[in-house]
C-alpha cells in the first residue's frame, strides 16, 4: 500500500480532526466521508467564495428548484388530464 502526504492549513486540520471518530484514523475518515453524497450546505461551507458569490449561487439553486417543482406540477397535471380523457 502506498502512502501519500498532504498539506493542509491548521484551520483545515482542526476541522477534519473534529470530524474524526475516536478510534478512526485519518485514512478511514477520508474514505468514510468520500463515500457520502455531497450536500449543498456542506459544499457552501467548504467553498472559499465571497459572500456575494455564495449568495448568488444559493439564489440560483433556489430558482432552479422552484422551476423544477413548477415543471413537475405541469407534467403531473398533463398526465392526469390524459388519464381522465382515456377513461
PDB file of N, CA and C in Angstrom:
ATOM      1  N   UNK A   1       0.853  -1.175   0.000  1.00  0.00           N
ATOM      2  CA  UNK A   1       0.000   0.000   0.000  1.00  0.00           C
ATOM      3  C   UNK A   1       0.896   1.234   0.000  1.00  0.00           C
ATOM      4  N   UNK A   2       0.616   2.159  -0.908  1.00  0.00           N
ATOM      5  CA  UNK A   2       1.403   3.388  -0.932  1.00  0.00           C
ATOM      6  C   UNK A   2       0.789   4.409   0.021  1.00  0.00           C
ATOM      7  N   UNK A   3       1.605   5.345   0.426  1.00  0.00           N
ATOM      8  CA  UNK A   3       1.174   6.389   1.357  1.00  0.00           C
ATOM      9  C   UNK A   3       1.415   7.737   0.699  1.00  0.00           C
ATOM     10  N   UNK A   4       0.467   8.643   0.838  1.00  0.00           N
ATOM     11  CA  UNK A   4       0.569   9.996   0.294  1.00  0.00           C
ATOM     12  C   UNK A   4       0.577  10.994   1.438  1.00  0.00           C
ATOM     13  N   UNK A   5       1.322  12.050   1.266  1.00  0.00           N
ATOM     14  CA  UNK A   5       1.364  13.127   2.250  1.00  0.00           C
ATOM     15  C   UNK A   5       0.649  14.330   1.661  1.00  0.00           C
ATOM     16  N   UNK A   6      -0.232  14.931   2.455  1.00  0.00           N
ATOM     17  CA  UNK A   6      -0.927  16.139   2.013  1.00  0.00           C
ATOM     18  C   UNK A   6      -0.632  17.261   2.997  1.00  0.00           C
ATOM     19  N   UNK A   7      -0.730  18.485   2.513  1.00  0.00           N
ATOM     20  CA  UNK A   7      -0.512  19.653   3.356  1.00  0.00           C
ATOM     21  C   UNK A   7      -1.833  20.395   3.491  1.00  0.00           C
ATOM     22  N   UNK A   8      -2.200  20.696   4.730  1.00  0.00           N
ATOM     23  CA  UNK A   8      -3.420  21.453   4.993  1.00  0.00           C
ATOM     24  C   UNK A   8      -3.092  22.562   5.989  1.00  0.00           C
ATOM     25  N   UNK A   9      -3.918  23.584   5.994  1.00  0.00           N
ATOM     26  CA  UNK A   9      -3.731  24.657   6.967  1.00  0.00           C
ATOM     27  C   UNK A   9      -4.100  24.142   8.353  1.00  0.00           C
ATOM     28  N   UNK A  10      -3.672  24.854   9.357  1.00  0.00           N
ATOM     29  CA  UNK A  10      -4.006  24.491  10.740  1.00  0.00           C
ATOM     30  C   UNK A  10      -5.522  24.487  10.927  1.00  0.00           C
ATOM     31  N   UNK A  11      -6.183  25.480  10.338  1.00  0.00           N
ATOM     32  CA  UNK A  11      -7.642  25.574  10.450  1.00  0.00           C
ATOM     33  C   UNK A  11      -8.311  24.353   9.816  1.00  0.00           C
ATOM     34  N   UNK A  12      -7.859  23.964   8.623  1.00  0.00           N
ATOM     35  CA  UNK A  12      -8.426  22.792   7.950  1.00  0.00           C
ATOM     36  C   UNK A  12      -8.171  21.532   8.769  1.00  0.00           C
ATOM     37  N   UNK A  13      -6.983  21.415   9.330  1.00  0.00           N
ATOM     38  CA  UNK A  13      -6.646  20.257  10.158  1.00  0.00           C
ATOM     39  C   UNK A  13      -7.604  20.144  11.342  1.00  0.00           C
ATOM     40  N   UNK A  14      -7.875  21.263  11.999  1.00  0.00           N
ATOM     41  CA  UNK A  14      -8.767  21.242  13.158  1.00  0.00           C
ATOM     42  C   UNK A  14     -10.186  20.835  12.758  1.00  0.00           C
ATOM     43  N   UNK A  15     -10.626  21.303  11.592  1.00  0.00           N
ATOM     44  CA  UNK A  15     -11.965  20.931  11.114  1.00  0.00           C
ATOM     45  C   UNK A  15     -12.029  19.428  10.867  1.00  0.00           C
ATOM     46  N   UNK A  16     -11.047  18.910  10.139  1.00  0.00           N
ATOM     47  CA  UNK A  16     -11.014  17.477   9.828  1.00  0.00           C
ATOM     48  C   UNK A  16     -10.858  16.647  11.101  1.00  0.00           C
ATOM     49  N   UNK A  17     -10.010  17.098  11.987  1.00  0.00           N
ATOM     50  CA  UNK A  17      -9.786  16.389  13.253  1.00  0.00           C
ATOM     51  C   UNK A  17     -11.096  16.286  14.040  1.00  0.00           C
ATOM     52  N   UNK A  18     -11.898  17.357  13.994  1.00  0.00           N
ATOM     53  CA  UNK A  18     -13.183  17.360  14.688  1.00  0.00           C
ATOM     54  C   UNK A  18     -14.194  16.392  14.086  1.00  0.00           C
ATOM     55  N   UNK A  19     -14.009  16.032  12.828  1.00  0.00           N
ATOM     56  CA  UNK A  19     -14.914  15.103  12.156  1.00  0.00           C
ATOM     57  C   UNK A  19     -14.543  13.648  12.426  1.00  0.00           C
ATOM     58  N   UNK A  20     -13.315  13.435  12.858  1.00  0.00           N
ATOM     59  CA  UNK A  20     -12.788  12.088  13.048  1.00  0.00           C
ATOM     60  C   UNK A  20     -13.396  11.454  14.289  1.00  0.00           C
ATOM     61  N   UNK A  21     -13.805  10.199  14.160  1.00  0.00           N
ATOM     62  CA  UNK A  21     -14.319   9.463  15.310  1.00  0.00           C
ATOM     63  C   UNK A  21     -13.151   9.023  16.184  1.00  0.00           C
ATOM     64  N   UNK A  22     -13.436   8.690  17.432  1.00  0.00           N
ATOM     65  CA  UNK A  22     -12.395   8.452  18.435  1.00  0.00           C
ATOM     66  C   UNK A  22     -11.319   7.462  17.993  1.00  0.00           C
ATOM     67  N   UNK A  23     -11.693   6.317  17.511  1.00  0.00           N
ATOM     68  CA  UNK A  23     -10.720   5.280  17.141  1.00  0.00           C
ATOM     69  C   UNK A  23     -10.446   5.247  15.635  1.00  0.00           C
ATOM     70  N   UNK A  24     -10.844   6.279  14.923  1.00  0.00           N
ATOM     71  CA  UNK A  24     -10.737   6.306  13.469  1.00  0.00           C
ATOM     72  C   UNK A  24      -9.440   6.976  13.035  1.00  0.00           C
ATOM     73  N   UNK A  25      -8.771   6.398  12.058  1.00  0.00           N
ATOM     74  CA  UNK A  25      -7.577   7.034  11.500  1.00  0.00           C
ATOM     75  C   UNK A  25      -8.022   8.097  10.491  1.00  0.00           C
ATOM     76  N   UNK A  26      -7.110   8.975  10.111  1.00  0.00           N
ATOM     77  CA  UNK A  26      -7.456   9.980   9.105  1.00  0.00           C
ATOM     78  C   UNK A  26      -7.769   9.302   7.773  1.00  0.00           C
ATOM     79  N   UNK A  27      -7.047   8.237   7.438  1.00  0.00           N
ATOM     80  CA  UNK A  27      -7.332   7.500   6.197  1.00  0.00           C
ATOM     81  C   UNK A  27      -8.751   6.946   6.216  1.00  0.00           C
ATOM     82  N   UNK A  28      -9.154   6.375   7.335  1.00  0.00           N
ATOM     83  CA  UNK A  28     -10.514   5.843   7.458  1.00  0.00           C
ATOM     84  C   UNK A  28     -11.543   6.964   7.361  1.00  0.00           C
ATOM     85  N   UNK A  29     -11.233   8.106   7.966  1.00  0.00           N
ATOM     86  CA  UNK A  29     -12.131   9.262   7.888  1.00  0.00           C
ATOM     87  C   UNK A  29     -12.308   9.704   6.440  1.00  0.00           C
ATOM     88  N   UNK A  30     -11.204   9.853   5.713  1.00  0.00           N
ATOM     89  CA  UNK A  30     -11.292  10.305   4.319  1.00  0.00           C
ATOM     90  C   UNK A  30     -12.084   9.317   3.467  1.00  0.00           C
ATOM     91  N   UNK A  31     -11.902   8.030   3.705  1.00  0.00           N
ATOM     92  CA  UNK A  31     -12.670   7.032   2.954  1.00  0.00           C
ATOM     93  C   UNK A  31     -14.149   7.122   3.311  1.00  0.00           C
ATOM     94  N   UNK A  32     -14.447   7.330   4.596  1.00  0.00           N
ATOM     95  CA  UNK A  32     -15.847   7.422   5.039  1.00  0.00           C
ATOM     96  C   UNK A  32     -16.534   8.634   4.432  1.00  0.00           C
ATOM     97  N   UNK A  33     -15.906   9.784   4.531  1.00  0.00           N
ATOM     98  CA  UNK A  33     -16.573  10.989   4.012  1.00  0.00           C
ATOM     99  C   UNK A  33     -16.557  11.015   2.488  1.00  0.00           C
ATOM    100  N   UNK A  34     -15.604  10.324   1.883  1.00  0.00           N
ATOM    101  CA  UNK A  34     -15.567  10.244   0.425  1.00  0.00           C
ATOM    102  C   UNK A  34     -16.708   9.431  -0.149  1.00  0.00           C
ATOM    103  N   UNK A  35     -17.263   8.532   0.628  1.00  0.00           N
ATOM    104  CA  UNK A  35     -18.374   7.692   0.180  1.00  0.00           C
ATOM    105  C   UNK A  35     -19.723   8.369   0.362  1.00  0.00           C
ATOM    106  N   UNK A  36     -19.775   9.407   1.194  1.00  0.00           N
ATOM    107  CA  UNK A  36     -21.041  10.083   1.464  1.00  0.00           C
ATOM    108  C   UNK A  36     -21.375  11.026   0.317  1.00  0.00           C
ATOM    109  N   UNK A  37     -22.655  11.081  -0.075  1.00  0.00           N
ATOM    110  CA  UNK A  37     -23.029  12.038  -1.113  1.00  0.00           C
ATOM    111  C   UNK A  37     -22.856  13.471  -0.605  1.00  0.00           C
ATOM    112  N   UNK A  38     -22.411  14.327  -1.470  1.00  0.00           N
ATOM    113  CA  UNK A  38     -22.210  15.727  -1.091  1.00  0.00           C
ATOM    114  C   UNK A  38     -23.556  16.412  -0.898  1.00  0.00           C
ATOM    115  N   UNK A  39     -23.644  17.237   0.115  1.00  0.00           N
ATOM    116  CA  UNK A  39     -24.842  18.030   0.351  1.00  0.00           C
ATOM    117  C   UNK A  39     -24.490  19.490   0.077  1.00  0.00           C
ATOM    118  N   UNK A  40     -25.413  20.186  -0.523  1.00  0.00           N
ATOM    119  CA  UNK A  40     -25.176  21.580  -0.900  1.00  0.00           C
ATOM    120  C   UNK A  40     -24.728  22.404   0.292  1.00  0.00           C
ATOM    121  N   UNK A  41     -25.362  22.237   1.443  1.00  0.00           N
ATOM    122  CA  UNK A  41     -24.997  23.067   2.594  1.00  0.00           C
ATOM    123  C   UNK A  41     -23.564  22.794   3.040  1.00  0.00           C
ATOM    124  N   UNK A  42     -23.083  21.555   2.859  1.00  0.00           N
ATOM    125  CA  UNK A  42     -21.694  21.252   3.203  1.00  0.00           C
ATOM    126  C   UNK A  42     -20.735  21.891   2.211  1.00  0.00           C
ATOM    127  N   UNK A  43     -21.115  21.863   0.944  1.00  0.00           N
ATOM    128  CA  UNK A  43     -20.260  22.441  -0.089  1.00  0.00           C
ATOM    129  C   UNK A  43     -20.111  23.937   0.125  1.00  0.00           C
ATOM    130  N   UNK A  44     -21.199  24.616   0.494  1.00  0.00           N
ATOM    131  CA  UNK A  44     -21.110  26.054   0.735  1.00  0.00           C
ATOM    132  C   UNK A  44     -20.100  26.357   1.830  1.00  0.00           C
ATOM    133  N   UNK A  45     -20.080  25.538   2.870  1.00  0.00           N
ATOM    134  CA  UNK A  45     -19.135  25.757   3.962  1.00  0.00           C
ATOM    135  C   UNK A  45     -17.699  25.565   3.531  1.00  0.00           C
ATOM    136  N   UNK A  46     -17.479  24.700   2.563  1.00  0.00           N
ATOM    137  CA  UNK A  46     -16.121  24.401   2.116  1.00  0.00           C
ATOM    138  C   UNK A  46     -15.625  25.371   1.050  1.00  0.00           C
ATOM    139  N   UNK A  47     -16.528  26.074   0.424  1.00  0.00           N
ATOM    140  CA  UNK A  47     -16.141  26.965  -0.675  1.00  0.00           C
ATOM    141  C   UNK A  47     -15.526  28.247  -0.138  1.00  0.00           C
ATOM    142  N   UNK A  48     -14.451  28.668  -0.778  1.00  0.00           N
ATOM    143  CA  UNK A  48     -13.816  29.931  -0.407  1.00  0.00           C
ATOM    144  C   UNK A  48     -14.298  31.012  -1.382  1.00  0.00           C
ATOM    145  N   UNK A  49     -15.548  31.401  -1.227  1.00  0.00           N
ATOM    146  CA  UNK A  49     -16.127  32.410  -2.099  1.00  0.00           C
ATOM    147  C   UNK A  49     -16.508  33.628  -1.280  1.00  0.00           C
ATOM    148  N   UNK A  50     -16.569  34.718  -1.967  1.00  0.00           N
ATOM    149  CA  UNK A  50     -17.096  35.923  -1.349  1.00  0.00           C
ATOM    150  C   UNK A  50     -18.568  35.685  -1.043  1.00  0.00           C
ATOM    151  N   UNK A  51     -19.073  36.343  -0.032  1.00  0.00           N
ATOM    152  CA  UNK A  51     -20.469  36.124   0.354  1.00  0.00           C
ATOM    153  C   UNK A  51     -21.431  36.475  -0.779  1.00  0.00           C
ATOM    154  N   UNK A  52     -21.098  37.462  -1.605  1.00  0.00           N
ATOM    155  CA  UNK A  52     -21.966  37.818  -2.733  1.00  0.00           C
ATOM    156  C   UNK A  52     -22.056  36.661  -3.720  1.00  0.00           C
ATOM    157  N   UNK A  53     -20.925  36.022  -4.000  1.00  0.00           N
ATOM    158  CA  UNK A  53     -20.915  34.890  -4.927  1.00  0.00           C
ATOM    159  C   UNK A  53     -21.697  33.714  -4.354  1.00  0.00           C
ATOM    160  N   UNK A  54     -21.487  33.435  -3.083  1.00  0.00           N
ATOM    161  CA  UNK A  54     -22.199  32.331  -2.436  1.00  0.00           C
ATOM    162  C   UNK A  54     -23.696  32.610  -2.414  1.00  0.00           C
ATOM    163  N   UNK A  55     -24.067  33.838  -2.114  1.00  0.00           N
ATOM    164  CA  UNK A  55     -25.484  34.206  -2.071  1.00  0.00           C
ATOM    165  C   UNK A  55     -26.108  34.090  -3.457  1.00  0.00           C
ATOM    166  N   UNK A  56     -25.393  34.515  -4.492  1.00  0.00           N
ATOM    167  CA  UNK A  56     -25.903  34.398  -5.859  1.00  0.00           C
ATOM    168  C   UNK A  56     -26.094  32.933  -6.238  1.00  0.00           C
ATOM    169  N   UNK A  57     -25.167  32.089  -5.829  1.00  0.00           N
ATOM    170  CA  UNK A  57     -25.279  30.666  -6.113  1.00  0.00           C
ATOM    171  C   UNK A  57     -26.472  30.059  -5.379  1.00  0.00           C
ATOM    172  N   UNK A  58     -26.674  30.436  -4.127  1.00  0.00           N
ATOM    173  CA  UNK A  58     -27.833  29.945  -3.366  1.00  0.00           C
ATOM    174  C   UNK A  58     -29.138  30.347  -4.055  1.00  0.00           C
ATOM    175  N   UNK A  59     -29.208  31.604  -4.510  1.00  0.00           N
ATOM    176  CA  UNK A  59     -30.419  32.087  -5.183  1.00  0.00           C
ATOM    177  C   UNK A  59     -30.670  31.313  -6.472  1.00  0.00           C
ATOM    178  N   UNK A  60     -29.604  31.039  -7.216  1.00  0.00           N
ATOM    179  CA  UNK A  60     -29.744  30.294  -8.472  1.00  0.00           C
ATOM    180  C   UNK A  60     -30.240  28.874  -8.205  1.00  0.00           C
ATOM    181  N   UNK A  61     -29.706  28.244  -7.191  1.00  0.00           N
ATOM    182  CA  UNK A  61     -30.142  26.887  -6.844  1.00  0.00           C
ATOM    183  C   UNK A  61     -31.606  26.897  -6.421  1.00  0.00           C
ATOM    184  N   UNK A  62     -31.993  27.891  -5.618  1.00  0.00           N
ATOM    185  CA  UNK A  62     -33.388  28.006  -5.183  1.00  0.00           C
ATOM    186  C   UNK A  62     -34.305  28.199  -6.388  1.00  0.00           C
ATOM    187  N   UNK A  63     -33.885  29.046  -7.315  1.00  0.00           N
ATOM    188  CA  UNK A  63     -34.664  29.295  -8.520  1.00  0.00           C
ATOM    189  C   UNK A  63     -34.815  28.020  -9.351  1.00  0.00           C
ATOM    190  N   UNK A  64     -33.734  27.270  -9.472  1.00  0.00           N
ATOM    191  CA  UNK A  64     -33.781  26.019 -10.232  1.00  0.00           C
ATOM    192  C   UNK A  64     -34.729  25.018  -9.580  1.00  0.00           C
ATOM    193  N   UNK A  65     -34.722  24.964  -8.250  1.00  0.00           N
ATOM    194  CA  UNK A  65     -35.639  24.068  -7.541  1.00  0.00           C
ATOM    195  C   UNK A  65     -37.087  24.473  -7.797  1.00  0.00           C
ATOM    196  N   UNK A  66     -37.362  25.781  -7.734  1.00  0.00           N
ATOM    197  CA  UNK A  66     -38.721  26.267  -7.958  1.00  0.00           C
ATOM    198  C   UNK A  66     -39.175  25.966  -9.381  1.00  0.00           C
ATOM    199  N   UNK A  67     -38.289  26.178 -10.359  1.00  0.00           N
ATOM    200  CA  UNK A  67     -38.616  25.879 -11.751  1.00  0.00           C
ATOM    201  C   UNK A  67     -38.906  24.392 -11.927  1.00  0.00           C
ATOM    202  N   UNK A  68     -38.116  23.573 -11.278  1.00  0.00           N
ATOM    203  CA  UNK A  68     -38.290  22.124 -11.371  1.00  0.00           C
ATOM    204  C   UNK A  68     -39.627  21.697 -10.777  1.00  0.00           C
ATOM    205  N   UNK A  69     -39.975  22.258  -9.616  1.00  0.00           N
ATOM    206  CA  UNK A  69     -41.265  21.936  -8.985  1.00  0.00           C
ATOM    207  C   UNK A  69     -42.437  22.348  -9.884  1.00  0.00           C
ATOM    208  N   UNK A  70     -42.331  23.545 -10.451  1.00  0.00           N
ATOM    209  CA  UNK A  70     -43.389  24.045 -11.328  1.00  0.00           C
ATOM    210  C   UNK A  70     -43.525  23.140 -12.550  1.00  0.00           C
ATOM    211  N   UNK A  71     -42.404  22.790 -13.154  1.00  0.00           N
ATOM    212  CA  UNK A  71     -42.407  21.925 -14.327  1.00  0.00           C
ATOM    213  C   UNK A  71     -43.006  20.562 -13.989  1.00  0.00           C
ATOM    214  N   UNK A  72     -42.635  20.017 -12.848  1.00  0.00           N
ATOM    215  CA  UNK A  72     -43.165  18.717 -12.433  1.00  0.00           C
ATOM    216  C   UNK A  72     -44.668  18.803 -12.209  1.00  0.00           C
ATOM    217  N   UNK A  73     -45.123  19.892 -11.612  1.00  0.00           N
ATOM    218  CA  UNK A  73     -46.559  20.079 -11.405  1.00  0.00           C
ATOM    219  C   UNK A  73     -47.314  20.135 -12.720  1.00  0.00           C
ATOM    220  N   UNK A  74     -46.751  20.850 -13.696  1.00  0.00           N
ATOM    221  CA  UNK A  74     -47.382  20.936 -15.013  1.00  0.00           C
ATOM    222  C   UNK A  74     -47.424  19.568 -15.684  1.00  0.00           C
ATOM    223  N   UNK A  75     -46.360  18.823 -15.566  1.00  0.00           N
ATOM    224  CA  UNK A  75     -46.327  17.479 -16.157  1.00  0.00           C
ATOM    225  C   UNK A  75     -47.352  16.558 -15.503  1.00  0.00           C
ATOM    226  N   UNK A  76     -47.457  16.645 -14.193  1.00  0.00           N
ATOM    227  CA  UNK A  76     -48.430  15.812 -13.478  1.00  0.00           C
ATOM    228  C   UNK A  76     -49.854  16.174 -13.896  1.00  0.00           C
ATOM    229  N   UNK A  77     -50.132  17.468 -14.046  1.00  0.00           N
ATOM    230  CA  UNK A  77     -51.462  17.895 -14.487  1.00  0.00           C
ATOM    231  C   UNK A  77     -51.761  17.367 -15.888  1.00  0.00           C
ATOM    232  N   UNK A  78     -50.776  17.396 -16.761  1.00  0.00           N
ATOM    233  CA  UNK A  78     -50.949  16.882 -18.121  1.00  0.00           C
ATOM    234  C   UNK A  78     -51.231  15.380 -18.097  1.00  0.00           C
ATOM    235  N   UNK A  79     -50.515  14.654 -17.275  1.00  0.00           N
ATOM    236  CA  UNK A  79     -50.739  13.205 -17.153  1.00  0.00           C
ATOM    237  C   UNK A  79     -52.139  12.926 -16.624  1.00  0.00           C
ATOM    238  N   UNK A  80     -52.559  13.683 -15.610  1.00  0.00           N
ATOM    239  CA  UNK A  80     -53.908  13.500 -15.059  1.00  0.00           C
ATOM    240  C   UNK A  80     -54.977  13.763 -16.124  1.00  0.00           C
ATOM    241  N   UNK A  81     -54.768  14.830 -16.917  1.00  0.00           N
ATOM    242  CA  UNK A  81     -55.727  15.159 -17.978  1.00  0.00           C
ATOM    243  C   UNK A  81     -55.814  14.029 -18.996  1.00  0.00           C
ATOM    244  N   UNK A  82     -54.675  13.497 -19.383  1.00  0.00           N
ATOM    245  CA  UNK A  82     -54.665  12.396 -20.358  1.00  0.00           C
ATOM    246  C   UNK A  82     -55.349  11.153 -19.794  1.00  0.00           C
ATOM    247  N   UNK A  83     -55.108  10.877 -18.526  1.00  0.00           N
ATOM    248  CA  UNK A  83     -55.743   9.713 -17.908  1.00  0.00           C
ATOM    249  C   UNK A  83     -57.257   9.876 -17.848  1.00  0.00           C
ATOM    250  N   UNK A  84     -57.734  11.085 -17.542  1.00  0.00           N
ATOM    251  CA  UNK A  84     -59.178  11.333 -17.488  1.00  0.00           C
ATOM    252  C   UNK A  84     -59.810  11.160 -18.865  1.00  0.00           C
ATOM    253  N   UNK A  85     -59.117  11.633 -19.910  1.00  0.00           N
ATOM    254  CA  UNK A  85     -59.648  11.506 -21.270  1.00  0.00           C
ATOM    255  C   UNK A  85     -59.709  10.049 -21.711  1.00  0.00           C
ATOM    256  N   UNK A  86     -58.782   9.250 -21.255  1.00  0.00           N
ATOM    257  CA  UNK A  86     -58.727   7.845 -21.668  1.00  0.00           C
ATOM    258  C   UNK A  86     -59.684   6.950 -20.891  1.00  0.00           C
ATOM    259  N   UNK A  87     -60.242   7.449 -19.813  1.00  0.00           N
ATOM    260  CA  UNK A  87     -61.176   6.635 -19.004  1.00  0.00           C
ATOM    261  C   UNK A  87     -62.591   6.861 -19.392  1.00  0.00           C
TER     262      UNK A  87
END
